[in-house]
C-alpha atoms as a PDB file:
ATOM      1  CA  MET A   1      30.313  11.760   8.699  1.00  0.00           C
ATOM      2  CA  LYS A   2      27.435   9.406   7.920  1.00  0.00           C
ATOM      3  CA  ILE A   3      24.240  11.276   7.131  1.00  0.00           C
ATOM      4  CA  LYS A   4      21.019   9.742   8.449  1.00  0.00           C
ATOM      5  CA  PRO A   5      18.702   8.704   5.581  1.00  0.00           C
ATOM      6  CA  PHE A   6      15.361  10.356   5.092  1.00  0.00           C
ATOM      7  CA  GLY A   7      12.514   8.816   7.058  1.00  0.00           C
ATOM      8  CA  THR A   8       9.512   7.432   5.235  1.00  0.00           C
ATOM      9  CA  SER A   9       7.379  10.424   6.183  1.00  0.00           C
ATOM     10  CA  GLU A  10       9.804  12.855   4.533  1.00  0.00           C
ATOM     11  CA  ILE A  11      10.134  10.656   1.445  1.00  0.00           C
ATOM     12  CA  ILE A  12       6.395  10.385   0.856  1.00  0.00           C
ATOM     13  CA  LEU A  13       5.985  14.120   1.435  1.00  0.00           C
ATOM     14  CA  GLN A  14       8.713  14.868  -1.102  1.00  0.00           C
ATOM     15  CA  ALA A  15       7.103  12.513  -3.623  1.00  0.00           C
ATOM     16  CA  TRP A  16       3.673  14.054  -3.043  1.00  0.00           C
ATOM     17  CA  LYS A  17       4.949  17.604  -3.505  1.00  0.00           C
ATOM     18  CA  LYS A  18       6.679  16.631  -6.754  1.00  0.00           C
ATOM     19  CA  GLY A  19       3.815  14.532  -8.144  1.00  0.00           C
ATOM     20  CA  ILE A  20       5.876  11.322  -8.055  1.00  0.00           C
ATOM     21  CA  VAL A  21       4.179   8.123  -6.960  1.00  0.00           C
ATOM     22  CA  VAL A  22       5.871   5.672  -4.578  1.00  0.00           C
ATOM     23  CA  PRO A  23       4.830   2.064  -5.242  1.00  0.00           C
ATOM     24  CA  GLY A  24       4.360  -0.333  -2.347  1.00  0.00           C
ATOM     25  CA  PHE A  25       4.814  -4.042  -3.109  1.00  0.00           C
ATOM     26  CA  ASN A  26       3.215  -6.728  -0.945  1.00  0.00           C
ATOM     27  CA  ILE A  27       5.261  -9.812  -0.067  1.00  0.00           C
ATOM     28  CA  PRO A  28       2.981 -12.812   0.595  1.00  0.00           C
ATOM     29  CA  TYR A  29       5.881 -15.253   0.037  1.00  0.00           C
ATOM     30  CA  LEU A  30       9.342 -14.491   1.435  1.00  0.00           C
ATOM     31  CA  PRO A  31      11.326 -15.403  -1.746  1.00  0.00           C
ATOM     32  CA  MET A  32       9.467 -12.632  -3.608  1.00  0.00           C
ATOM     33  CA  MET A  33      11.339  -9.942  -1.709  1.00  0.00           C
ATOM     34  CA  GLU A  34      14.716 -10.416  -3.393  1.00  0.00           C
ATOM     35  CA  PRO A  35      13.504  -9.803  -6.977  1.00  0.00           C
ATOM     36  CA  VAL A  36      11.344  -6.881  -5.835  1.00  0.00           C
ATOM     37  CA  VAL A  37      14.269  -5.116  -4.167  1.00  0.00           C
ATOM     38  CA  ARG A  38      16.591  -6.000  -7.055  1.00  0.00           C
ATOM     39  CA  ALA A  39      14.208  -4.497  -9.606  1.00  0.00           C
ATOM     40  CA  LEU A  40      13.888  -1.280  -7.593  1.00  0.00           C
ATOM     41  CA  ARG A  41      17.669  -1.021  -7.351  1.00  0.00           C
ATOM     42  CA  ASP A  42      18.301  -1.885 -11.008  1.00  0.00           C
ATOM     43  CA  THR A  43      15.841   0.783 -12.184  1.00  0.00           C
ATOM     44  CA  GLY A  44      16.837   3.435  -9.639  1.00  0.00           C
ATOM     45  CA  THR A  45      13.275   3.476  -8.288  1.00  0.00           C
ATOM     46  CA  PHE A  46      12.108   4.132  -4.756  1.00  0.00           C
ATOM     47  CA  GLY A  47       9.465   1.767  -3.354  1.00  0.00           C
ATOM     48  CA  LEU A  48       8.080   0.338  -0.138  1.00  0.00           C
ATOM     49  CA  ILE A  49       8.359  -3.317   0.829  1.00  0.00           C
ATOM     50  CA  MET A  50       5.080  -4.242   2.507  1.00  0.00           C
ATOM     51  CA  VAL A  51       3.327  -7.011   4.381  1.00  0.00           C
ATOM     52  CA  ALA A  52      -0.301  -7.022   5.473  1.00  0.00           C
ATOM     53  CA  ARG A  53      -1.784  -9.064   8.297  1.00  0.00           C
ATOM     54  CA  LEU A  54      -3.690 -11.254   5.846  1.00  0.00           C
ATOM     55  CA  GLU A  55      -0.390 -12.231   4.176  1.00  0.00           C
ATOM     56  CA  TRP A  56       0.921 -14.047   7.219  1.00  0.00           C
ATOM     57  CA  ILE A  57      -2.515 -15.500   8.012  1.00  0.00           C
ATOM     58  CA  LYS A  58      -3.791 -16.497   4.553  1.00  0.00           C
ATOM     59  CA  PHE A  59      -0.517 -16.713   2.612  1.00  0.00           C
ATOM     60  CA  LYS A  60       3.048 -17.697   3.553  1.00  0.00           C
ATOM     61  CA  SER A  61       4.924 -14.562   4.551  1.00  0.00           C
ATOM     62  CA  GLY A  62       5.366 -16.164   7.983  1.00  0.00           C
ATOM     63  CA  SER A  63       5.133 -13.223  10.350  1.00  0.00           C
ATOM     64  CA  MET A  64       6.047  -9.574  10.721  1.00  0.00           C
ATOM     65  CA  LYS A  65       9.375 -10.704  12.133  1.00  0.00           C
ATOM     66  CA  SER A  66      10.034 -13.059   9.208  1.00  0.00           C
ATOM     67  CA  ILE A  67       9.438 -10.225   6.766  1.00  0.00           C
ATOM     68  CA  ARG A  68      11.596  -7.859   8.840  1.00  0.00           C
ATOM     69  CA  ASP A  69      14.446 -10.377   9.008  1.00  0.00           C
ATOM     70  CA  GLU A  70      14.338 -11.013   5.246  1.00  0.00           C
ATOM     71  CA  TYR A  71      14.170  -7.284   4.603  1.00  0.00           C
ATOM     72  CA  GLU A  72      17.304  -6.749   6.674  1.00  0.00           C
ATOM     73  CA  LYS A  73      19.116  -9.117   4.300  1.00  0.00           C
ATOM     74  CA  GLN A  74      17.804  -7.475   1.130  1.00  0.00           C
ATOM     75  CA  LYS A  75      17.235  -3.798   1.951  1.00  0.00           C
ATOM     76  CA  ASP A  76      18.837  -0.885   0.158  1.00  0.00           C
ATOM     77  CA  LEU A  77      17.949   2.378   1.925  1.00  0.00           C
ATOM     78  CA  ARG A  78      18.519   4.370  -1.225  1.00  0.00           C
ATOM     79  CA  PHE A  79      15.553   2.576  -2.771  1.00  0.00           C
ATOM     80  CA  THR A  80      13.483   0.930  -0.032  1.00  0.00           C
ATOM     81  CA  ARG A  81      11.717   1.240   3.311  1.00  0.00           C
ATOM     82  CA  LEU A  82       9.615  -1.325   5.209  1.00  0.00           C
ATOM     83  CA  HIS A  83       5.875  -0.676   5.620  1.00  0.00           C
ATOM     84  CA  LEU A  84       3.237  -2.545   7.608  1.00  0.00           C
ATOM     85  CA  ASP A  85       0.227  -2.677   5.303  1.00  0.00           C
ATOM     86  CA  HIS A  86      -3.414  -3.407   6.285  1.00  0.00           C
ATOM     87  CA  VAL A  87      -3.877  -4.177   9.949  1.00  0.00           C
ATOM     88  CA  PRO A  88      -7.668  -4.188  10.137  1.00  0.00           C
ATOM     89  CA  VAL A  89      -9.657  -3.534  13.281  1.00  0.00           C
ATOM     90  CA  ILE A  90     -12.285  -5.877  11.838  1.00  0.00           C
ATOM     91  CA  ASP A  91     -10.780  -8.291   9.330  1.00  0.00           C
ATOM     92  CA  GLU A  92     -12.048  -9.672   6.016  1.00  0.00           C
ATOM     93  CA  ASP A  93     -13.825 -12.490   7.924  1.00  0.00           C
ATOM     94  CA  ASN A  94     -15.601  -9.919  10.131  1.00  0.00           C
ATOM     95  CA  LEU A  95     -13.552 -10.837  13.195  1.00  0.00           C
ATOM     96  CA  LEU A  96     -12.087  -8.346  15.639  1.00  0.00           C
ATOM     97  CA  THR A  97      -8.276  -8.208  15.685  1.00  0.00           C
ATOM     98  CA  ASP A  98      -5.780  -7.191  18.346  1.00  0.00           C
ATOM     99  CA  PHE A  99      -4.674  -4.340  16.108  1.00  0.00           C
ATOM    100  CA  GLU A 100      -2.928  -2.297  18.806  1.00  0.00           C
ATOM    101  CA  THR A 101      -0.711  -5.217  19.830  1.00  0.00           C
ATOM    102  CA  ILE A 102       0.143  -6.047  16.201  1.00  0.00           C
ATOM    103  CA  ILE A 103       1.090  -2.478  15.335  1.00  0.00           C
ATOM    104  CA  SER A 104       3.038  -2.047  18.583  1.00  0.00           C
ATOM    105  CA  GLU A 105       5.033  -5.151  17.691  1.00  0.00           C
ATOM    106  CA  ALA A 106       5.769  -3.802  14.223  1.00  0.00           C
ATOM    107  CA  ILE A 107       7.043  -0.544  15.663  1.00  0.00           C
ATOM    108  CA  GLY A 108       9.266  -2.507  18.033  1.00  0.00           C
ATOM    109  CA  LEU A 109      10.594  -4.564  15.134  1.00  0.00           C
ATOM    110  CA  GLY A 110      11.647  -1.421  13.309  1.00  0.00           C
ATOM    111  CA  TYR A 111       9.014  -1.017  10.620  1.00  0.00           C
ATOM    112  CA  ASP A 112       9.337   2.420   9.040  1.00  0.00           C
ATOM    113  CA  SER A 113       5.604   3.138   8.699  1.00  0.00           C
ATOM    114  CA  VAL A 114       2.346   1.415   9.652  1.00  0.00           C
ATOM    115  CA  MET A 115      -1.258   1.197   8.490  1.00  0.00           C
ATOM    116  CA  ILE A 116      -4.411   0.830  10.534  1.00  0.00           C
ATOM    117  CA  ASP A 117      -7.545  -0.090   8.607  1.00  0.00           C
ATOM    118  CA  GLY A 118     -10.729   0.892  10.410  1.00  0.00           C
ATOM    119  CA  SER A 119     -12.747   1.128   7.206  1.00  0.00           C
ATOM    120  CA  ARG A 120     -15.254  -1.507   8.336  1.00  0.00           C
ATOM    121  CA  LEU A 121     -16.105   0.602  11.404  1.00  0.00           C
ATOM    122  CA  SER A 122     -18.434   3.545  11.802  1.00  0.00           C
ATOM    123  CA  LEU A 123     -16.818   6.923  11.201  1.00  0.00           C
ATOM    124  CA  GLU A 124     -16.557   7.693  14.921  1.00  0.00           C
ATOM    125  CA  ASP A 125     -15.103   4.275  15.768  1.00  0.00           C
ATOM    126  CA  ASN A 126     -12.651   4.539  12.870  1.00  0.00           C
ATOM    127  CA  ILE A 127     -11.538   7.920  14.193  1.00  0.00           C
ATOM    128  CA  LYS A 128     -11.185   6.565  17.736  1.00  0.00           C
ATOM    129  CA  SER A 129      -9.138   3.526  16.673  1.00  0.00           C
ATOM    130  CA  THR A 130      -6.949   5.482  14.259  1.00  0.00           C
ATOM    131  CA  ARG A 131      -6.249   8.162  16.854  1.00  0.00           C
ATOM    132  CA  LYS A 132      -4.837   5.484  19.191  1.00  0.00           C
ATOM    133  CA  ILE A 133      -2.399   4.359  16.492  1.00  0.00           C
ATOM    134  CA  THR A 134      -1.308   7.827  15.414  1.00  0.00           C
ATOM    135  CA  ALA A 135      -0.459   8.649  19.036  1.00  0.00           C
ATOM    136  CA  LEU A 136       1.492   5.402  19.353  1.00  0.00           C
ATOM    137  CA  ALA A 137       3.368   5.678  16.056  1.00  0.00           C
ATOM    138  CA  HIS A 138       4.069   9.401  16.224  1.00  0.00           C
ATOM    139  CA  SER A 139       5.639   8.930  19.649  1.00  0.00           C
ATOM    140  CA  ALA A 140       8.045   6.523  17.924  1.00  0.00           C
ATOM    141  CA  GLY A 141       8.632   8.987  15.078  1.00  0.00           C
ATOM    142  CA  ILE A 142       6.995   7.044  12.277  1.00  0.00           C
ATOM    143  CA  PRO A 143       4.049   7.909   9.987  1.00  0.00           C
ATOM    144  CA  VAL A 144       0.613   6.322   9.884  1.00  0.00           C
ATOM    145  CA  GLU A 145      -1.599   5.413   6.958  1.00  0.00           C
ATOM    146  CA  ALA A 146      -5.330   5.056   7.571  1.00  0.00           C
ATOM    147  CA  GLU A 147      -8.295   4.216   5.357  1.00  0.00           C
ATOM    148  CA  LEU A 148     -11.679   5.847   4.940  1.00  0.00           C
ATOM    149  CA  GLY A 149     -14.265   4.436   2.572  1.00  0.00           C
ATOM    150  CA  ALA A 150     -14.661   0.853   1.391  1.00  0.00           C
ATOM    151  CA  VAL A 151     -11.921  -0.465  -0.901  1.00  0.00           C
ATOM    152  CA  MET A 152     -13.610  -3.806  -1.551  1.00  0.00           C
ATOM    153  CA  GLY A 153     -12.235  -7.119  -2.774  1.00  0.00           C
ATOM    154  CA  HIS A 154     -10.833  -8.867   0.299  1.00  0.00           C
ATOM    155  CA  GLU A 155     -14.221 -10.065   1.510  1.00  0.00           C
ATOM    156  CA  SER A 156     -15.024 -13.778   1.245  1.00  0.00           C
ATOM    157  CA  GLY A 157     -18.245 -13.324  -0.748  1.00  0.00           C
ATOM    158  CA  PRO A 158     -18.619 -12.066  -4.332  1.00  0.00           C
ATOM    159  CA  LEU A 159     -18.479  -8.368  -5.051  1.00  0.00           C
ATOM    160  CA  PRO A 160     -21.579  -6.536  -6.252  1.00  0.00           C
ATOM    161  CA  PRO A 161     -21.397  -5.804 -10.011  1.00  0.00           C
ATOM    162  CA  TYR A 162     -18.523  -3.356 -10.505  1.00  0.00           C
ATOM    163  CA  GLU A 163     -20.463  -1.039 -12.819  1.00  0.00           C
ATOM    164  CA  GLU A 164     -23.144  -0.739 -10.148  1.00  0.00           C
ATOM    165  CA  LEU A 165     -20.531   0.099  -7.519  1.00  0.00           C
ATOM    166  CA  PHE A 166     -18.916   2.742  -9.678  1.00  0.00           C
ATOM    167  CA  ALA A 167     -22.140   4.326 -10.912  1.00  0.00           C
ATOM    168  CA  THR A 168     -23.595   4.655  -7.410  1.00  0.00           C
ATOM    169  CA  GLY A 169     -20.314   5.589  -5.725  1.00  0.00           C
ATOM    170  CA  LYS A 170     -21.054   2.991  -3.064  1.00  0.00           C
ATOM    171  CA  GLY A 171     -18.243   2.913  -0.548  1.00  0.00           C
ATOM    172  CA  PHE A 172     -16.452   5.941  -2.029  1.00  0.00           C
ATOM    173  CA  THR A 173     -14.594   8.112   0.458  1.00  0.00           C
ATOM    174  CA  SER A 174     -16.834  10.963   1.595  1.00  0.00           C
ATOM    175  CA  LEU A 175     -15.266  14.410   1.237  1.00  0.00           C
ATOM    176  CA  GLU A 176     -16.926  15.746   4.391  1.00  0.00           C
ATOM    177  CA  GLU A 177     -16.048  12.658   6.441  1.00  0.00           C
ATOM    178  CA  ALA A 178     -12.461  12.727   5.183  1.00  0.00           C
ATOM    179  CA  LEU A 179     -11.981  16.304   6.352  1.00  0.00           C
ATOM    180  CA  LYS A 180     -13.264  15.445   9.830  1.00  0.00           C
ATOM    181  CA  PHE A 181     -11.273  12.194   9.912  1.00  0.00           C
ATOM    182  CA  VAL A 182      -7.908  13.747   9.027  1.00  0.00           C
ATOM    183  CA  LYS A 183      -8.396  16.655  11.415  1.00  0.00           C
ATOM    184  CA  GLU A 184      -9.296  14.447  14.372  1.00  0.00           C
ATOM    185  CA  THR A 185      -6.862  11.557  13.803  1.00  0.00           C
ATOM    186  CA  GLN A 186      -3.811  13.437  12.484  1.00  0.00           C
ATOM    187  CA  THR A 187      -3.128  10.550  10.124  1.00  0.00           C
ATOM    188  CA  ASP A 188      -0.179  11.220   7.816  1.00  0.00           C
ATOM    189  CA  TRP A 189      -1.555   9.512   4.704  1.00  0.00           C
ATOM    190  CA  LEU A 190      -5.094   8.546   3.730  1.00  0.00           C
ATOM    191  CA  SER A 191      -6.109   5.546   1.647  1.00  0.00           C
ATOM    192  CA  VAL A 192      -9.134   6.533  -0.418  1.00  0.00           C
ATOM    193  CA  ALA A 193     -11.891   4.620  -2.184  1.00  0.00           C
ATOM    194  CA  ILE A 194     -12.591   6.130  -5.604  1.00  0.00           C
ATOM    195  CA  GLY A 195     -13.451   3.064  -7.692  1.00  0.00           C
ATOM    196  CA  ASN A 196     -10.369   0.987  -6.862  1.00  0.00           C
ATOM    197  CA  VAL A 197     -10.765  -2.588  -5.589  1.00  0.00           C
ATOM    198  CA  HIS A 198      -8.454  -5.118  -3.976  1.00  0.00           C
ATOM    199  CA  GLY A 199      -7.484  -8.365  -5.638  1.00  0.00           C
ATOM    200  CA  ALA A 200      -9.349 -11.391  -4.312  1.00  0.00           C
ATOM    201  CA  ILE A 201      -7.555 -13.353  -1.609  1.00  0.00           C
ATOM    202  CA  SER A 202      -9.825 -16.384  -1.178  1.00  0.00           C
ATOM    203  CA  THR A 203      -8.233 -19.655  -2.264  1.00  0.00           C
ATOM    204  CA  ALA A 204     -10.951 -20.151  -4.878  1.00  0.00           C
ATOM    205  CA  ALA A 205     -10.636 -16.699  -6.461  1.00  0.00           C
ATOM    206  CA  ARG A 206      -7.020 -15.605  -5.984  1.00  0.00           C
ATOM    207  CA  THR A 207      -5.896 -16.941  -9.377  1.00  0.00           C
ATOM    208  CA  GLU A 208      -8.663 -15.169 -11.305  1.00  0.00           C
ATOM    209  CA  LYS A 209      -8.022 -12.130 -13.479  1.00  0.00           C
ATOM    210  CA  LYS A 210      -8.635  -8.992 -11.489  1.00  0.00           C
ATOM    211  CA  ILE A 211     -11.507  -6.605 -12.197  1.00  0.00           C
ATOM    212  CA  GLU A 212     -10.445  -3.806 -14.543  1.00  0.00           C
ATOM    213  CA  ALA A 213     -11.300  -0.931 -12.256  1.00  0.00           C
ATOM    214  CA  ARG A 214     -11.312   2.748 -13.087  1.00  0.00           C
ATOM    215  CA  LEU A 215     -11.044   5.850 -10.928  1.00  0.00           C
ATOM    216  CA  ALA A 216     -13.402   8.743 -10.225  1.00  0.00           C
ATOM    217  CA  ILE A 217     -10.794  11.425 -10.897  1.00  0.00           C
ATOM    218  CA  PRO A 218     -13.086  14.456 -10.304  1.00  0.00           C
ATOM    219  CA  HIS A 219     -13.942  13.065  -6.866  1.00  0.00           C
ATOM    220  CA  LEU A 220     -10.251  12.450  -6.131  1.00  0.00           C
ATOM    221  CA  GLU A 221      -9.466  16.024  -7.165  1.00  0.00           C
ATOM    222  CA  LYS A 222     -11.976  17.359  -4.629  1.00  0.00           C
ATOM    223  CA  ILE A 223     -10.468  15.208  -1.868  1.00  0.00           C
ATOM    224  CA  ASN A 224      -6.947  16.288  -2.783  1.00  0.00           C
ATOM    225  CA  ASN A 225      -7.855  19.981  -2.850  1.00  0.00           C
ATOM    226  CA  THR A 226      -9.552  19.684   0.540  1.00  0.00           C
ATOM    227  CA  LEU A 227      -7.198  17.511   2.605  1.00  0.00           C
ATOM    228  CA  HIS A 228      -3.727  18.615   1.448  1.00  0.00           C
ATOM    229  CA  ILE A 229      -2.027  15.394   2.610  1.00  0.00           C
ATOM    230  CA  PRO A 230      -0.536  12.471   0.654  1.00  0.00           C
ATOM    231  CA  LEU A 231      -3.226  10.085  -0.574  1.00  0.00           C
ATOM    232  CA  VAL A 232      -2.907   6.341  -1.144  1.00  0.00           C
ATOM    233  CA  LEU A 233      -4.398   4.131  -3.848  1.00  0.00           C
ATOM    234  CA  HIS A 234      -4.943   0.518  -2.849  1.00  0.00           C
ATOM    235  CA  GLY A 235      -5.673  -2.166  -5.421  1.00  0.00           C
ATOM    236  CA  GLY A 236      -3.282  -0.713  -7.985  1.00  0.00           C
ATOM    237  CA  THR A 237      -3.178  -3.803 -10.215  1.00  0.00           C
ATOM    238  CA  GLY A 238      -5.398  -3.696 -13.289  1.00  0.00           C
ATOM    239  CA  ILE A 239      -6.322  -0.010 -13.317  1.00  0.00           C
ATOM    240  CA  ALA A 240      -5.993   1.562 -16.767  1.00  0.00           C
ATOM    241  CA  LYS A 241      -2.834   3.613 -17.121  1.00  0.00           C
ATOM    242  CA  GLU A 242      -4.692   6.783 -18.103  1.00  0.00           C
ATOM    243  CA  TYR A 243      -6.453   6.793 -14.732  1.00  0.00           C
ATOM    244  CA  LEU A 244      -3.245   6.105 -12.841  1.00  0.00           C
ATOM    245  CA  MET A 245      -1.398   8.976 -14.493  1.00  0.00           C
ATOM    246  CA  GLN A 246      -4.235  11.366 -13.698  1.00  0.00           C
ATOM    247  CA  SER A 247      -4.397  10.183 -10.084  1.00  0.00           C
ATOM    248  CA  PHE A 248      -0.707  10.939  -9.521  1.00  0.00           C
ATOM    249  CA  LYS A 249      -1.435  14.554 -10.440  1.00  0.00           C
ATOM    250  CA  GLN A 250      -4.274  14.647  -7.905  1.00  0.00           C
ATOM    251  CA  GLY A 251      -2.530  13.684  -4.691  1.00  0.00           C
ATOM    252  CA  ILE A 252      -1.897   9.946  -4.990  1.00  0.00           C
ATOM    253  CA  ALA A 253       1.620   9.655  -3.594  1.00  0.00           C
ATOM    254  CA  LYS A 254       1.591   5.915  -2.837  1.00  0.00           C
ATOM    255  CA  ILE A 255       0.123   3.041  -4.834  1.00  0.00           C
ATOM    256  CA  ASN A 256      -0.198  -0.510  -3.519  1.00  0.00           C
ATOM    257  CA  ILE A 257       0.552  -3.400  -5.871  1.00  0.00           C
ATOM    258  CA  ALA A 258       0.032  -7.034  -4.901  1.00  0.00           C
ATOM    259  CA  THR A 259      -1.855  -9.176  -7.432  1.00  0.00           C
ATOM    260  CA  ALA A 260       0.376  -8.226 -10.391  1.00  0.00           C
ATOM    261  CA  ILE A 261       3.475  -9.729  -8.777  1.00  0.00           C
ATOM    262  CA  ARG A 262       1.813 -12.441  -6.657  1.00  0.00           C
ATOM    263  CA  GLN A 263       0.087 -14.318  -9.469  1.00  0.00           C
ATOM    264  CA  PRO A 264       3.243 -14.785 -11.636  1.00  0.00           C
ATOM    265  CA  TYR A 265       5.046 -16.107  -8.558  1.00  0.00           C
ATOM    266  CA  GLU A 266       2.255 -18.521  -7.625  1.00  0.00           C
ATOM    267  CA  LYS A 267       2.111 -19.981 -11.138  1.00  0.00           C
ATOM    268  CA  LEU A 268       5.717 -21.188 -10.902  1.00  0.00           C
ATOM    269  CA  MET A 269       6.557 -21.508  -7.204  1.00  0.00           C
ATOM    270  CA  ASN A 270       5.791 -25.229  -6.922  1.00  0.00           C
ATOM    271  CA  SER A 271       7.992 -26.145  -9.880  1.00  0.00           C
ATOM    272  CA  SER A 272      10.890 -23.684  -9.469  1.00  0.00           C
ATOM    273  CA  VAL A 273      11.379 -20.900  -6.928  1.00  0.00           C
ATOM    274  CA  LYS A 274      14.099 -19.408  -9.149  1.00  0.00           C
ATOM    275  CA  ALA A 275      11.760 -19.280 -12.151  1.00  0.00           C
ATOM    276  CA  ALA A 276       9.057 -17.783  -9.949  1.00  0.00           C
ATOM    277  CA  GLN A 277      11.480 -15.099  -8.744  1.00  0.00           C
ATOM    278  CA  ASP A 278      12.493 -14.333 -12.327  1.00  0.00           C
ATOM    279  CA  ALA A 279       8.808 -13.905 -13.219  1.00  0.00           C
ATOM    280  CA  VAL A 280       8.399 -11.412 -10.361  1.00  0.00           C
ATOM    281  CA  TYR A 281      11.496  -9.489 -11.451  1.00  0.00           C
ATOM    282  CA  ASN A 282      10.305  -9.236 -15.052  1.00  0.00           C
ATOM    283  CA  GLU A 283       6.846  -8.089 -13.974  1.00  0.00           C
ATOM    284  CA  MET A 284       8.446  -5.506 -11.685  1.00  0.00           C
ATOM    285  CA  LEU A 285      10.426  -4.071 -14.600  1.00  0.00           C
ATOM    286  CA  ASP A 286       7.245  -3.763 -16.653  1.00  0.00           C
ATOM    287  CA  ILE A 287       5.354  -2.081 -13.800  1.00  0.00           C
ATOM    288  CA  ILE A 288       8.145   0.393 -13.077  1.00  0.00           C
ATOM    289  CA  ARG A 289       9.112   1.277 -16.638  1.00  0.00           C
ATOM    290  CA  LYS A 290       5.875   0.998 -18.597  1.00  0.00           C
ATOM    291  CA  GLN A 291       2.832   0.973 -16.336  1.00  0.00           C
ATOM    292  CA  LEU A 292       3.896   3.624 -13.809  1.00  0.00           C
ATOM    293  CA  GLU A 293       6.770   5.279 -15.719  1.00  0.00           C
ATOM    294  CA  ILE A 294       8.761   5.917 -12.539  1.00  0.00           C
ATOM    295  CA  ALA A 295      12.183   4.449 -13.326  1.00  0.00           C
ATOM    296  CA  GLY A 296      14.825   6.698 -11.748  1.00  0.00           C
ATOM    297  CA  SER A 297      12.401   8.157  -9.202  1.00  0.00           C
ATOM    298  CA  ALA A 298      14.826   7.858  -6.277  1.00  0.00           C
ATOM    299  CA  ASN A 299      17.003  10.664  -7.612  1.00  0.00           C
ATOM    300  CA  ARG A 300      13.967  12.810  -8.295  1.00  0.00           C
ATOM    301  CA  ILE A 301      12.513  12.371  -4.811  1.00  0.00           C
ATOM    302  CA  PHE A 302      15.626  13.371  -2.885  1.00  0.00           C
ATOM    303  CA  ASP A 303      19.146  14.439  -3.689  1.00  0.00           C
ATOM    304  CA  ASP A 304      22.334  12.541  -2.866  1.00  0.00           C
ATOM    305  CA  SER A 305      23.274  14.805   0.038  1.00  0.00           C
ATOM    306  CA  ASN A 306      20.472  13.310   2.120  1.00  0.00           C
ATOM    307  CA  ILE A 307      21.124   9.616   1.406  1.00  0.00           C
END
C-alpha cells in the first residue's frame, strides 16, 4: 500500500520541533530548478522550491504554471515541496495586486503552501488580508506563511544605512503586534524582520554584493517564546553563519535563499546554460554542507515509514 507523503505543514512542524531549518530556494529562471533539486537529492536534504510574484514579473520564471510544470518534471517528494513565495498586497512598486486571485490560482495548480505579504499595510489591514488567505488555503488543506514587520531590500530606492536600521530596530517585527496578528489570522508560519534584508531586485542593483546583515537574536528569542509557531527568515543570503545557527535554535524553521544561487546563474546564463546550472549546483552544495550544515536533514525530519 502506498503511504501518502507528509504535507508541507507537517514537515515544517517536525523541523521546527527538532530545531532543523528547511531552506527555500527561489527560481527566477526555469533552468535553475534542475540543479537545485539535484543538490537536495544528492545531499539527502529537504528543501522547498519557491517562486515569488516578482520572479515572473521582473525575472524570467514565466508564470506560476511554468514553475509548477517544471517542478512536476524535477520533483522528488522525499526532498522537495512547491511553495508560493511573496505575493504582496502592495508590491515593491507600491501598486495594489490581485493577491486573492493569484493565490487562488496557485492553490488550484497544486502548490503545497502559499505566502501572503501584507507587510506594507497597516496592522489591521494586514490582519484582514491575511485572514482571507488563511481561510482560503486552510479549506484546501495547505499552510500559509505571512509577514509582519519590514524585511527591506525589494524597494526601488536605496536602503537607509544598514547600521542605522539595525541600531534603531526600524521595521523590526513588534512582539505585541505579532501576538495579535497570529491569534487573529491563524497563520501557520510567520516571516519576521529582525535585521535581515532582501537582495536587491532592480536591474541596476541586482548584481551588487548583498549587504552583510546580522540578526537581533534576543528579539527573535522573545518572539519565539511568545508565538510558539514556526518562524521564517527571509533574505538568508549573506548573513553570518553564527547568527544563522543561533536563529535555528530560536524558532527559525524556514530560511529563504535567492541571491546566493541567482547571481552565479546570471553570470553565466548568456554564455552557457549548462555552465550556469553547474554554478548553481556547486553553490547549493556549499550552502547545504557548509553554510547551513543541514546535509541529510530529510531523514532527521521524518522517518521512512511516512515517505
